[in-house]
Protein backbone atom coordinates (compact mmCIF):
# COMPACT_ATOMS: atom_id res chain seq x y z
CA UNK A 1 -59.17 60.85 -49.51
CA UNK A 2 -61.19 62.01 -52.52
CA UNK A 3 -64.94 60.74 -53.19
CA UNK A 4 -64.47 60.68 -57.04
CA UNK A 5 -68.12 58.84 -57.24
CA UNK A 6 -69.42 61.45 -54.92
CA UNK A 7 -68.00 64.31 -58.01
CA UNK A 8 -69.52 62.78 -60.91
CA UNK A 9 -72.56 62.91 -58.72
CA UNK A 10 -72.34 66.71 -58.73
CA UNK A 11 -71.92 66.53 -62.46
CA UNK A 12 -75.44 64.03 -62.73
CA UNK A 13 -76.88 66.81 -60.00
CA UNK A 14 -75.55 69.73 -62.24
CA UNK A 15 -77.09 68.06 -66.03
CA UNK A 16 -79.93 67.39 -64.00
CA UNK A 17 -80.70 70.98 -63.37
CA UNK A 18 -79.67 71.95 -66.68
CA UNK A 19 -82.36 69.85 -68.61
CA UNK A 20 -85.10 71.70 -65.74
CA UNK A 21 -84.70 74.83 -66.39
CA UNK A 22 -84.66 74.56 -70.23
CA UNK A 23 -88.57 76.16 -70.76
CA UNK A 24 -90.16 74.52 -73.90
CA UNK A 25 -93.07 72.37 -74.08
CA UNK A 26 -91.87 69.31 -75.43
CA UNK A 27 -91.54 65.72 -74.36
CA UNK A 28 -88.41 66.09 -72.33
CA UNK A 29 -89.99 68.57 -70.68
CA UNK A 30 -93.20 66.85 -69.81
CA UNK A 31 -91.39 64.19 -67.70
CA UNK A 32 -92.33 64.61 -64.12
CA UNK A 33 -88.36 63.98 -63.72
CA UNK A 34 -86.95 66.66 -66.05
CA UNK A 35 -90.08 68.91 -63.96
CA UNK A 36 -88.96 68.74 -60.68
CA UNK A 37 -85.26 68.20 -60.97
CA UNK A 38 -84.82 71.27 -59.40
CA UNK A 39 -84.39 69.20 -56.24
CA UNK A 40 -81.18 68.85 -57.45
CA UNK A 41 -79.93 71.52 -55.44
CA UNK A 42 -80.78 70.40 -52.40
CA UNK A 43 -78.17 67.32 -53.44
CA UNK A 44 -75.90 69.85 -54.21
CA UNK A 45 -76.21 71.35 -50.59
CA UNK A 46 -75.75 68.16 -48.65
CA UNK A 47 -73.00 67.70 -50.64
CA UNK A 48 -70.87 70.04 -50.42
CA UNK A 49 -71.63 70.02 -46.42
CA UNK A 50 -70.48 66.30 -46.78
CA UNK A 51 -67.21 67.23 -48.18
CA UNK A 52 -66.61 70.63 -46.88
CA UNK A 53 -66.59 68.54 -43.55
CA UNK A 54 -64.65 66.26 -44.77
CA UNK A 55 -62.05 68.96 -45.71
CA UNK A 56 -61.67 71.26 -43.25
CA UNK A 57 -64.23 69.74 -40.39
CA UNK A 58 -60.34 69.63 -38.32
CA UNK A 59 -58.76 72.44 -39.60
CA UNK A 60 -60.67 75.30 -38.86
CA UNK A 61 -58.95 75.72 -35.34
CA UNK A 62 -58.61 79.63 -34.71
CA UNK A 63 -59.97 83.38 -36.90
CA UNK A 64 -56.95 83.26 -38.95
CA UNK A 65 -57.49 79.53 -40.09
CA UNK A 66 -61.54 79.99 -40.03
CA UNK A 67 -60.12 83.77 -42.73
CA UNK A 68 -58.49 81.61 -44.44
CA UNK A 69 -60.82 78.99 -45.89
CA UNK A 70 -63.61 81.80 -46.23
CA UNK A 71 -61.05 82.97 -48.87
CA UNK A 72 -61.32 80.18 -50.39
CA UNK A 73 -64.28 79.57 -50.79
CA UNK A 74 -65.21 82.74 -52.11
CA UNK A 75 -62.20 82.44 -54.45
CA UNK A 76 -63.87 79.21 -55.46
CA UNK A 77 -67.33 80.48 -56.62
CA UNK A 78 -66.68 84.36 -56.86
CA UNK A 79 -64.68 84.62 -60.16
CA UNK A 80 -67.04 82.60 -62.17
CA UNK A 81 -69.62 84.52 -60.54
CA UNK A 82 -68.95 87.93 -61.87
CA UNK A 83 -67.82 86.90 -65.07
CA UNK A 84 -71.06 85.52 -66.00
CA UNK A 85 -73.16 88.97 -64.88
CA UNK A 86 -70.56 90.67 -66.83
CA UNK A 87 -71.55 88.25 -69.96
CA UNK A 88 -75.36 89.29 -68.76
CA UNK A 89 -74.84 93.18 -68.50
CA UNK A 90 -73.12 92.93 -71.70
CA UNK A 91 -75.75 91.13 -73.42
CA UNK A 92 -78.02 93.87 -71.96
CA UNK A 93 -76.26 96.40 -73.09
CA UNK A 94 -75.86 95.09 -76.17
CA UNK A 95 -79.21 94.88 -76.71
CA UNK A 96 -79.77 98.37 -75.92
CA UNK A 97 -77.40 99.84 -78.17
CA UNK A 98 -79.52 97.73 -81.09
CA UNK A 99 -82.56 99.08 -79.92
CA UNK A 100 -82.10 103.00 -79.09
CA UNK A 101 -79.15 103.32 -82.14
CA UNK A 102 -80.53 100.75 -85.00
CA UNK A 103 -83.92 100.88 -83.61
CA UNK A 104 -84.03 96.98 -83.83
CA UNK A 105 -87.70 95.78 -81.94
CA UNK A 106 -87.33 93.98 -78.81
CA UNK A 107 -89.48 91.56 -76.69
CA UNK A 108 -88.70 93.31 -73.53
CA UNK A 109 -86.76 96.61 -72.88
CA UNK A 110 -83.06 96.13 -71.95
CA UNK A 111 -82.34 97.06 -68.22
CA UNK A 112 -86.64 97.50 -67.63
CA UNK A 113 -86.33 98.08 -63.78
CA UNK A 114 -89.67 95.43 -63.70
CA UNK A 115 -87.90 92.92 -65.62
CA UNK A 116 -85.49 89.91 -64.74
CA UNK A 117 -82.31 91.82 -65.31
CA UNK A 118 -82.78 95.38 -63.43
CA UNK A 119 -80.03 97.98 -62.65
CA UNK A 120 -81.37 97.92 -59.22
CA UNK A 121 -80.15 94.07 -58.44
CA UNK A 122 -76.65 94.45 -59.41
CA UNK A 123 -75.25 95.08 -56.15
CA UNK A 124 -77.20 92.30 -54.31
CA UNK A 125 -75.34 89.94 -57.48
CA UNK A 126 -72.22 92.24 -57.00
CA UNK A 127 -72.33 91.02 -52.93
CA UNK A 128 -73.69 87.28 -52.82
CA UNK A 129 -76.52 88.47 -51.46
CA UNK A 130 -79.45 87.82 -53.87
CA UNK A 131 -79.96 84.56 -52.23
CA UNK A 132 -80.33 85.73 -48.67
CA UNK A 133 -83.68 87.42 -48.49
CA UNK A 134 -82.93 90.53 -49.95
CA UNK A 135 -84.07 90.45 -53.30
CA UNK A 136 -87.64 90.33 -54.28
CA UNK A 137 -87.55 88.01 -56.59
CA UNK A 138 -84.62 86.09 -58.97
CA UNK A 139 -82.97 88.47 -61.24
CA UNK A 140 -79.63 88.21 -63.84
CA UNK A 141 -77.60 84.77 -63.59
CA UNK A 142 -80.87 83.01 -61.57
CA UNK A 143 -79.34 79.83 -60.65
CA UNK A 144 -76.60 81.84 -58.57
CA UNK A 145 -79.13 82.18 -55.92
CA UNK A 146 -78.15 79.13 -54.47
CA UNK A 147 -74.02 79.97 -55.15
CA UNK A 148 -75.20 83.05 -52.38
CA UNK A 149 -76.89 81.51 -49.93
CA UNK A 150 -74.01 78.86 -49.34
CA UNK A 151 -71.19 80.58 -49.36
CA UNK A 152 -73.08 83.53 -46.01
CA UNK A 153 -73.46 79.13 -45.17
CA UNK A 154 -69.85 78.78 -45.52
CA UNK A 155 -69.57 81.35 -43.09
CA UNK A 156 -71.83 79.83 -40.71
CA UNK A 157 -69.99 77.06 -40.85
CA UNK A 158 -66.62 78.55 -40.37
CA UNK A 159 -68.24 79.83 -37.19
CA UNK A 160 -69.80 76.59 -35.45
CA UNK A 161 -65.69 75.08 -35.93
CA UNK A 162 -63.83 77.63 -34.61
CA UNK A 163 -66.24 78.02 -31.60
CA UNK A 164 -67.42 74.80 -30.63
CA UNK A 165 -64.96 71.79 -30.43
CA UNK A 166 -66.44 69.20 -28.52
CA UNK A 167 -70.79 69.54 -29.46
CA UNK A 168 -69.99 70.06 -32.87
CA UNK A 169 -72.84 67.36 -34.47
CA UNK A 170 -75.69 68.91 -32.01
CA UNK A 171 -75.10 72.27 -33.52
CA UNK A 172 -75.34 70.32 -36.96
CA UNK A 173 -78.13 69.40 -35.96
CA UNK A 174 -79.84 72.50 -34.70
CA UNK A 175 -79.04 74.29 -37.29
CA UNK A 176 -80.59 72.06 -39.98
CA UNK A 177 -83.42 71.39 -37.61
CA UNK A 178 -83.13 75.36 -37.89
CA UNK A 179 -82.99 75.39 -41.76
CA UNK A 180 -86.30 72.77 -41.93
CA UNK A 181 -88.76 74.83 -39.74
CA UNK A 182 -87.87 77.82 -41.37
CA UNK A 183 -89.17 76.23 -44.65
CA UNK A 184 -91.82 74.29 -44.17
CA UNK A 185 -93.39 77.73 -41.77
CA UNK A 186 -93.01 79.73 -44.54
CA UNK A 187 -92.21 78.46 -47.75
CA UNK A 188 -95.16 78.86 -50.69
CA UNK A 189 -94.35 75.89 -53.21
CA UNK A 190 -92.71 73.36 -51.04
CA UNK A 191 -89.20 72.63 -51.46
CA UNK A 192 -89.02 76.07 -54.57
CA UNK A 193 -87.81 78.31 -52.28
CA UNK A 194 -84.65 80.02 -53.96
CA UNK A 195 -84.23 84.35 -52.88
CA UNK A 196 -86.82 84.57 -50.54
CA UNK A 197 -86.17 80.83 -48.40
CA UNK A 198 -83.05 80.35 -49.86
CA UNK A 199 -79.99 80.51 -47.26
CA UNK A 200 -82.98 78.50 -44.29
CA UNK A 201 -83.12 76.00 -47.56
CA UNK A 202 -79.07 75.64 -48.14
CA UNK A 203 -78.53 75.69 -44.27
CA UNK A 204 -80.72 72.98 -44.01
CA UNK A 205 -79.06 70.88 -46.62
CA UNK A 206 -75.86 71.73 -46.17
CA UNK A 207 -75.72 70.81 -42.24
CA UNK A 208 -77.67 67.60 -43.07
CA UNK A 209 -74.39 67.15 -45.11
CA UNK A 210 -71.82 67.43 -42.46
CA UNK A 211 -73.94 64.72 -39.93
CA UNK A 212 -73.20 62.44 -42.87
CA UNK A 213 -70.03 62.88 -42.99
CA UNK A 214 -69.49 62.71 -39.05
CA UNK A 215 -71.34 59.29 -39.34
CA UNK A 216 -69.07 58.34 -41.70
CA UNK A 217 -66.38 59.04 -39.86
CA UNK A 218 -67.82 57.24 -36.77
CA UNK A 219 -67.38 53.95 -38.93
CA UNK A 220 -64.51 55.02 -41.16
CA UNK A 221 -63.82 50.66 -41.42
CA UNK A 222 -67.85 50.26 -41.98
CA UNK A 223 -69.32 48.39 -45.10
CA UNK A 224 -72.17 48.77 -47.24
CA UNK A 225 -74.24 44.98 -46.90
CA UNK A 226 -74.65 45.18 -50.24
CA UNK A 227 -73.25 47.72 -52.35
CA UNK A 228 -74.91 46.37 -56.22
CA UNK A 229 -78.44 46.28 -54.29
CA UNK A 230 -77.81 49.22 -52.16
CA UNK A 231 -76.51 51.31 -55.14
CA UNK A 232 -79.46 50.23 -57.26
CA UNK A 233 -82.24 51.19 -54.41
CA UNK A 234 -80.65 54.39 -54.09
CA UNK A 235 -80.82 55.31 -58.29
CA UNK A 236 -84.13 53.76 -58.43
CA UNK A 237 -85.17 56.44 -55.21
CA UNK A 238 -83.44 59.32 -56.38
CA UNK A 239 -85.70 58.94 -59.72
CA UNK A 240 -88.50 58.05 -57.45
CA UNK A 241 -88.95 60.73 -54.89
CA UNK A 242 -87.70 63.65 -57.89
CA UNK A 243 -90.88 62.69 -59.90
CA UNK A 244 -93.42 62.48 -57.54
CA UNK A 245 -92.71 64.96 -54.86
CA UNK A 246 -93.21 68.12 -56.94
CA UNK A 247 -93.45 71.19 -54.95
CA UNK A 248 -95.87 69.00 -52.34
CA UNK A 249 -94.87 68.80 -48.38
CA UNK A 250 -92.91 65.54 -49.57
CA UNK A 251 -90.28 67.51 -50.98
CA UNK A 252 -88.60 68.98 -47.87
CA UNK A 253 -87.74 65.37 -47.45
CA UNK A 254 -85.33 66.41 -50.55
CA UNK A 255 -82.28 66.75 -48.08
CA UNK A 256 -82.84 63.30 -46.30
CA UNK A 257 -83.09 61.55 -49.18
CA UNK A 258 -80.47 63.10 -50.28
CA UNK A 259 -78.32 61.83 -47.28
CA UNK A 260 -78.70 58.25 -47.72
CA UNK A 261 -77.48 58.32 -51.52
CA UNK A 262 -74.39 60.66 -50.37
CA UNK A 263 -73.43 58.09 -47.91
CA UNK A 264 -74.26 54.73 -49.51
CA UNK A 265 -72.17 56.57 -52.84
CA UNK A 266 -69.49 57.51 -50.23
CA UNK A 267 -68.58 54.15 -49.85
CA UNK A 268 -67.39 54.14 -53.76
CA UNK A 269 -68.15 50.20 -53.39
CA UNK A 270 -71.19 48.88 -56.36
CA UNK A 271 -71.35 49.21 -60.21
CA UNK A 272 -72.50 52.36 -60.48
CA UNK A 273 -69.76 53.69 -58.25
CA UNK A 274 -67.38 52.12 -61.15
CA UNK A 275 -69.36 53.42 -64.09
CA UNK A 276 -69.12 56.78 -62.18
CA UNK A 277 -65.59 56.73 -62.11
CA UNK A 278 -64.69 56.88 -65.53
CA UNK A 279 -63.97 59.95 -67.33
CA UNK A 280 -66.87 61.77 -68.86
CA UNK A 281 -68.63 61.54 -65.07
CA UNK A 282 -65.07 62.48 -63.72
CA UNK A 283 -65.32 65.45 -66.20
CA UNK A 284 -68.77 66.31 -65.28
CA UNK A 285 -68.13 65.83 -61.91
CA UNK A 286 -65.04 68.64 -62.76
CA UNK A 287 -67.11 71.07 -65.06
CA UNK A 288 -69.88 71.06 -62.43
CA UNK A 289 -69.94 74.93 -60.87
CA UNK A 290 -69.45 76.03 -64.34
CA UNK A 291 -72.06 73.98 -65.93
CA UNK A 292 -74.64 75.19 -63.50
CA UNK A 293 -73.44 78.89 -63.59
CA UNK A 294 -73.35 79.46 -67.37
CA UNK A 295 -76.75 77.32 -68.04
CA UNK A 296 -78.93 80.63 -67.50
CA UNK A 297 -76.52 82.79 -69.88
CA UNK A 298 -77.28 80.34 -72.76
CA UNK A 299 -81.02 80.40 -72.40
CA UNK A 300 -80.84 83.87 -72.05
CA UNK A 301 -79.41 83.52 -75.71
CA UNK A 302 -81.87 81.61 -77.21
CA UNK A 303 -84.67 83.38 -75.23
CA UNK A 304 -83.00 86.70 -77.62
CA UNK A 305 -82.60 84.08 -81.01
CA UNK A 306 -86.09 82.65 -80.07
CA UNK A 307 -87.63 86.43 -79.81
CA UNK A 308 -85.86 87.45 -83.10
CA UNK A 309 -87.76 84.39 -84.83
CA UNK A 310 -90.74 85.65 -83.44
CA UNK A 311 -90.67 88.95 -84.63
CA UNK A 312 -89.63 87.53 -88.17
CA UNK A 313 -91.58 85.40 -88.89
CA UNK A 314 -95.02 86.30 -87.12
CA UNK A 315 -95.38 82.99 -85.61
CA UNK A 316 -95.89 82.52 -81.49
CA UNK A 317 -92.98 81.16 -80.45
CA UNK A 318 -93.04 82.33 -77.21
CA UNK A 319 -97.20 81.52 -74.93
CA UNK A 320 -97.13 81.55 -71.30
CA UNK A 321 -98.50 77.73 -70.04
CA UNK A 322 -99.60 76.16 -67.01
CA UNK A 323 -97.77 73.76 -66.05
CA UNK A 324 -98.13 72.27 -62.11
CA UNK A 325 -100.55 74.87 -61.74
CA UNK A 326 -98.05 78.00 -62.42
CA UNK A 327 -97.91 79.60 -65.87
CA UNK A 328 -94.41 79.61 -67.20
CA UNK A 329 -93.44 81.12 -70.44
CA UNK A 330 -92.01 78.37 -72.88
CA UNK A 331 -91.33 77.63 -76.19
CA UNK A 332 -93.76 76.20 -78.44
CA UNK A 333 -94.23 74.66 -81.43
CA UNK A 334 -95.90 72.97 -83.19
CA UNK A 335 -92.85 70.83 -84.59
CA UNK A 336 -92.35 69.08 -81.50
CA UNK A 337 -89.86 67.24 -81.88
CA UNK A 338 -87.71 70.02 -83.22
CA UNK A 339 -87.80 71.90 -79.03
CA UNK A 340 -86.68 67.73 -77.92
CA UNK A 341 -83.74 68.11 -80.58
CA UNK A 342 -83.43 72.17 -79.17
CA UNK A 343 -83.55 71.04 -75.81
CA UNK A 344 -80.23 68.68 -75.83
CA UNK A 345 -78.41 71.01 -78.52
CA UNK A 346 -78.90 73.73 -75.50
CA UNK A 347 -77.14 70.88 -73.37
CA UNK A 348 -74.26 70.12 -75.83
CA UNK A 349 -73.58 73.74 -75.56
CA UNK A 350 -73.68 74.23 -71.81
CA UNK A 351 -70.98 71.24 -71.31
CA UNK A 352 -68.96 72.11 -73.80
CA UNK A 353 -69.44 76.04 -72.46
CA UNK A 354 -69.24 75.36 -69.30
CA UNK A 355 -65.41 73.22 -70.25
CA UNK A 356 -63.78 76.50 -71.46
CA UNK A 357 -64.95 78.91 -68.19
CA UNK A 358 -63.86 75.88 -65.77
CA UNK A 359 -60.31 76.27 -68.10
CA UNK A 360 -60.25 79.56 -68.01
CA UNK A 361 -62.05 81.98 -65.34
CA UNK A 362 -63.24 79.08 -62.59
CA UNK A 363 -59.63 77.88 -62.04
CA UNK A 364 -57.84 80.63 -62.15
CA UNK A 365 -59.60 82.43 -60.16
CA UNK A 366 -59.80 79.89 -57.47
CA UNK A 367 -56.13 79.66 -57.94
CA UNK A 368 -56.05 83.03 -57.40
CA UNK A 369 -57.75 83.16 -53.72
CA UNK A 370 -55.65 80.61 -52.84
CA UNK A 371 -52.64 82.70 -53.54
CA UNK A 372 -54.25 85.00 -51.34
CA UNK A 373 -55.48 82.32 -48.74
CA UNK A 374 -51.43 82.00 -48.28
CA UNK A 375 -50.49 85.15 -47.91
CA UNK A 376 -52.78 85.42 -45.16
CA UNK A 377 -51.73 82.36 -43.13
CA UNK A 378 -47.93 83.64 -43.81
CA UNK A 379 -48.69 86.69 -42.35
CA UNK A 380 -50.73 84.93 -40.08
CA UNK A 381 -47.88 83.37 -38.85
CA UNK A 382 -45.13 86.49 -38.76
CA UNK A 383 -47.38 87.92 -36.35
CA UNK A 384 -48.28 85.04 -34.52
CA UNK A 385 -44.49 83.24 -34.47
CA UNK A 386 -42.00 86.00 -36.09
CA UNK A 387 -40.29 85.65 -39.67
CA UNK A 388 -38.76 82.02 -38.91
CA UNK A 389 -41.92 80.39 -39.06
CA UNK A 390 -43.32 81.01 -41.92
CA UNK A 391 -42.02 78.01 -43.94
CA UNK A 392 -43.36 75.67 -41.64
CA UNK A 393 -47.06 76.84 -42.91
CA UNK A 394 -48.78 74.24 -45.54
CA UNK A 395 -51.09 75.25 -47.60
CA UNK A 396 -54.53 72.62 -49.01
CA UNK A 397 -54.26 71.07 -51.50
CA UNK A 398 -58.57 71.58 -52.29
């Protein structure tokens, strides 16, 4: 069973995060919903827990199967991550060459140790450790902290499912509670915890998602009392919650709000669900990981272009702006409408680039590691049962 509507929701959530990350003083950024759309990362975590529990909850019965799962999940996230990281390194190398060889002035030095692209941060990035509390700030492809946290959460899931066969819901609830307690106790800006507390944030949301699937599975024949009303209420609840929660203590409820939304839309029964089965929304869902991963690279390129324009024109295009009590470096202009257009153009470019990276990087990388996982299964079958049993091994389609 494939939850097509939830796939579309993943694409919508990715676009909301994309809108949030473009920092310009314009009408779009002025919307509270956009300024607080960092919370849709928690939607990803809840949805990921739901989908992974559906796909693998009854399939990890041995260390070999757990190993296969980890190889597949690594192949799902790492190839595109390392490709985008390589693009960042290439851009910094180009900036270094232009500054040193062509004497082109740059706003920030290439590979500056105290900047956003320090060489010391590359090992953590390559090993998917940048969101586990080992880094002291966000660097390079900054949204990738969540990919790091999610990969290590996959490993926790595999351990729980493989070792705990009778009391999984209790284990899921315990892990979600532990993540929530750590966040509430130590997070400084509500749910907006990244490199420092990204792993407990992910564990909180992911295992809430696992519990939602467990509840859904317990009532496979259940129906929503009023799908039309329930779906519209769910959409309104998301908009209202994201708009008002900000980085207050209310934001800690995000995984619970998103859990209710995932549960409602898993039935695919209302008018919003019918809309989300349309091809454009399905494509957004298919490209959602690429959309999420390439956004910072596009912003980086735009930032370089804006810095060069500022240098050549002698006007102020970058300015530290106080937003919700935090000073943020933003693009500014007297022509706000131009920044609105730039914001929209940036989203369009992100989607276009994501469609290409999905086809040329994400999917080939996923298939490569899927084959590696199948080989691992085949070798395990040979070791345990002899060569005649290899043909009995089946590969998963997801």
